[in-house]
Amino acid sequence: MSLVRRTVRPARTIRRAPTGVRSLLAHWARIYSLDPGLVRALAWMESGYQTGLVSSAGARGVMQVLPVTRDYVETVLLRKRVPNSVSGDIQVGVVFLLQQI
């Protein structure tokens, strides 16, 4: 019986959200009574906390919200327009997440 050595590589290091993004994620999570850890985890999985990311499908921002989803959140869920900013993108993503759970 031979022993096979396997190289174990550490998982990709998880970056912390930049301070401004982290505080915005926590702020909107608290406003809508969601666990900030859940919101941070979703933001990490969607964009790696990259504020300017745009997917090939057109999803934008930290929460990777599609324009049609943003329109739905603004017109049906919030009934108001939300600024096109990092904070606004996170708010829309958090409101949509809340509607899903």
Protein backbone atom coordinates (compact mmCIF):
# COMPACT_ATOMS: atom_id res chain seq x y z
CA MET A 1 0.00 0.00 0.00
CA SER A 2 1.49 3.32 -1.02
CA LEU A 3 0.74 6.65 0.47
CA VAL A 4 -0.21 9.39 -1.92
CA ARG A 5 0.66 12.88 -0.89
CA ARG A 6 -1.76 15.53 -1.88
CA THR A 7 -1.07 19.18 -1.83
CA VAL A 8 -3.74 21.01 0.08
CA ARG A 9 -4.15 24.56 -1.03
CA PRO A 10 -5.83 27.06 1.23
CA ALA A 11 -9.18 28.38 0.08
CA ARG A 12 -9.17 31.76 -1.52
CA THR A 13 -8.70 34.41 1.13
CA ILE A 14 -11.93 36.23 1.79
CA ARG A 15 -11.52 39.94 1.56
CA ARG A 16 -13.21 42.19 4.02
CA ALA A 17 -15.59 44.71 2.56
CA PRO A 18 -14.14 48.20 2.39
CA THR A 19 -15.19 50.19 5.44
CA GLY A 20 -17.73 52.32 3.56
CA VAL A 21 -19.32 49.32 1.86
CA ARG A 22 -19.35 47.33 5.09
CA SER A 23 -21.10 50.13 6.96
CA LEU A 24 -23.66 50.57 4.17
CA LEU A 25 -24.39 46.83 4.12
CA ALA A 26 -24.89 46.88 7.90
CA HIS A 27 -26.98 50.07 7.75
CA TRP A 28 -29.46 48.75 5.19
CA ALA A 29 -29.58 45.34 6.88
CA ARG A 30 -30.58 47.03 10.15
CA ILE A 31 -33.13 49.30 8.45
CA TYR A 32 -34.92 46.26 7.02
CA SER A 33 -34.31 43.99 10.05
CA LEU A 34 -32.04 41.52 8.28
CA ASP A 35 -28.94 39.86 9.65
CA PRO A 36 -25.95 41.98 8.55
CA GLY A 37 -23.91 38.78 8.19
CA LEU A 38 -26.40 37.44 5.66
CA VAL A 39 -26.30 40.68 3.67
CA ARG A 40 -22.48 40.74 3.74
CA ALA A 41 -22.35 37.10 2.64
CA LEU A 42 -24.69 37.77 -0.28
CA ALA A 43 -22.67 40.83 -1.33
CA TRP A 44 -19.45 38.79 -1.19
CA MET A 45 -20.92 35.97 -3.29
CA GLU A 46 -22.43 38.33 -5.83
CA SER A 47 -19.58 40.77 -6.37
CA GLY A 48 -16.72 40.26 -3.94
CA TYR A 49 -17.74 43.72 -2.60
CA GLN A 50 -16.89 45.39 -5.92
CA THR A 51 -19.04 48.50 -6.17
CA GLY A 52 -18.56 49.14 -9.88
CA LEU A 53 -19.03 45.57 -11.11
CA VAL A 54 -21.37 45.01 -14.06
CA SER A 55 -22.12 41.44 -15.12
CA SER A 56 -22.54 40.26 -18.70
CA ALA A 57 -26.30 40.10 -17.97
CA GLY A 58 -26.30 43.75 -16.86
CA ALA A 59 -26.50 43.18 -13.09
CA ARG A 60 -24.83 46.05 -11.26
CA GLY A 61 -23.10 46.89 -8.04
CA VAL A 62 -22.28 45.15 -4.81
CA MET A 63 -25.56 43.21 -4.75
CA GLN A 64 -25.59 42.52 -8.53
CA VAL A 65 -29.14 43.71 -9.15
CA LEU A 66 -30.53 43.52 -12.69
CA PRO A 67 -32.16 46.69 -14.05
CA VAL A 68 -35.53 44.90 -14.28
CA THR A 69 -35.23 43.85 -10.63
CA ARG A 70 -34.33 47.40 -9.62
CA ASP A 71 -37.39 48.68 -11.47
CA TYR A 72 -39.58 46.10 -9.67
CA VAL A 73 -38.20 47.05 -6.27
CA GLU A 74 -38.65 50.77 -6.93
CA THR A 75 -42.14 50.59 -8.43
CA VAL A 76 -43.75 47.70 -6.55
CA LEU A 77 -41.93 47.23 -3.24
CA LEU A 78 -40.72 50.73 -2.33
CA ARG A 79 -42.99 52.84 -4.55
CA LYS A 80 -40.25 55.41 -4.92
CA ARG A 81 -37.08 55.94 -6.91
CA VAL A 82 -33.77 55.09 -5.26
CA PRO A 83 -30.58 57.01 -6.14
CA ASN A 84 -28.13 55.29 -8.49
CA SER A 85 -25.35 55.13 -5.93
CA VAL A 86 -23.53 52.48 -3.92
CA SER A 87 -25.96 53.06 -1.05
CA GLY A 88 -28.98 52.96 -3.36
CA ASP A 89 -27.78 49.76 -5.03
CA ILE A 90 -27.35 48.11 -1.64
CA GLN A 91 -30.78 49.31 -0.48
CA VAL A 92 -32.43 47.82 -3.57
CA GLY A 93 -30.57 44.54 -3.11
CA VAL A 94 -31.52 44.31 0.56
CA VAL A 95 -35.19 45.09 -0.11
CA PHE A 96 -35.28 42.43 -2.82
CA LEU A 97 -33.58 39.92 -0.51
CA LEU A 98 -36.14 40.68 2.21
CA GLN A 99 -38.95 40.00 -0.24
CA GLN A 100 -37.39 36.63 -1.10
CA ILE A 101 -37.17 35.28 2.45
